[in-house]
Amino acid sequence: MTMEHLTKLKIICMGILDLKPNSKEHIAATASLGQKELWSSANLYHQLHLLESLIPRMVCNNLSIFLLLTYSAC
């Protein structure tokens, strides 16, 4: 995006975001959090990849719509 695009969208830069001082430690601590659980980030990624490969594109072009309809009744 250029500043011209941002101006058209009425987005104004108000400052710069800075990371907290101990953010690297927090990232390292949360990267392995829950990896041995059933719905860890890695297992969720593999499950979504499997579901995407099983659903024909003609039936559902967007996996998120399928998941929303499937799991919203739970």
Protein backbone atom coordinates (compact mmCIF):
# COMPACT_ATOMS: atom_id res chain seq x y z
CA MET A 1 0.00 0.00 0.00
CA THR A 2 1.14 3.47 -0.74
CA MET A 3 0.32 6.65 1.14
CA GLU A 4 -2.09 7.48 -1.69
CA HIS A 5 -4.04 4.26 -1.05
CA LEU A 6 -4.08 4.92 2.69
CA THR A 7 -5.31 8.48 2.13
CA LYS A 8 -8.16 7.24 -0.08
CA LEU A 9 -9.15 4.80 2.67
CA LYS A 10 -8.94 7.65 5.21
CA ILE A 11 -6.21 5.88 7.18
CA ILE A 12 -3.88 8.25 9.00
CA CYS A 13 -0.54 7.33 10.53
CA MET A 14 -0.65 8.36 14.18
CA GLY A 15 2.63 6.87 15.35
CA ILE A 16 4.79 3.78 15.42
CA LEU A 17 4.06 0.57 17.30
CA ASP A 18 6.86 -0.65 19.52
CA LEU A 19 7.25 -4.13 20.97
CA LYS A 20 7.34 -4.48 24.72
CA PRO A 21 10.82 -4.97 26.18
CA ASN A 22 10.33 -8.67 27.01
CA SER A 23 8.37 -9.58 23.88
CA LYS A 24 10.99 -12.04 22.60
CA GLU A 25 10.73 -14.06 25.81
CA HIS A 26 6.92 -14.07 25.57
CA ILE A 27 7.07 -15.25 21.95
CA ALA A 28 9.49 -18.04 22.83
CA ALA A 29 7.33 -19.11 25.79
CA THR A 30 4.08 -19.23 23.79
CA ALA A 31 5.57 -20.91 20.71
CA SER A 32 5.67 -24.28 22.46
CA LEU A 33 2.54 -23.75 24.57
CA GLY A 34 0.04 -26.54 24.05
CA GLN A 35 2.03 -28.39 21.38
CA LYS A 36 1.25 -31.72 23.04
CA GLU A 37 -2.47 -30.93 23.18
CA LEU A 38 -4.98 -32.17 20.59
CA TRP A 39 -5.73 -28.72 19.15
CA SER A 40 -2.25 -27.26 19.13
CA SER A 41 -1.45 -24.79 16.38
CA ALA A 42 0.39 -27.48 14.40
CA ASN A 43 -2.44 -30.02 14.72
CA LEU A 44 -5.03 -27.39 13.84
CA TYR A 45 -3.05 -26.46 10.72
CA HIS A 46 -2.84 -30.13 9.65
CA GLN A 47 -6.57 -30.64 10.32
CA LEU A 48 -7.51 -27.58 8.25
CA HIS A 49 -5.19 -28.68 5.46
CA LEU A 50 -6.82 -32.14 5.47
CA LEU A 51 -10.33 -30.67 5.40
CA GLU A 52 -9.39 -28.34 2.57
CA SER A 53 -8.10 -31.24 0.50
CA LEU A 54 -11.27 -33.30 1.11
CA ILE A 55 -13.79 -30.64 0.13
CA PRO A 56 -14.35 -30.14 -3.60
CA ARG A 57 -13.78 -26.55 -4.69
CA MET A 58 -17.09 -26.51 -6.57
CA VAL A 59 -19.05 -27.25 -3.41
CA CYS A 60 -17.29 -24.83 -1.08
CA ASN A 61 -14.84 -22.27 -2.38
CA ASN A 62 -13.92 -21.07 1.08
CA LEU A 63 -12.88 -23.42 3.87
CA SER A 64 -13.81 -20.89 6.53
CA ILE A 65 -17.45 -20.96 5.38
CA PHE A 66 -17.45 -24.75 5.66
CA LEU A 67 -15.94 -24.64 9.13
CA LEU A 68 -18.37 -21.96 10.25
CA LEU A 69 -21.35 -24.01 9.09
CA THR A 70 -19.92 -27.26 10.48
CA TYR A 71 -18.91 -26.11 13.95
CA SER A 72 -21.50 -23.40 14.59
CA ALA A 73 -24.10 -26.00 15.62
CA CYS A 74 -21.84 -27.33 18.42
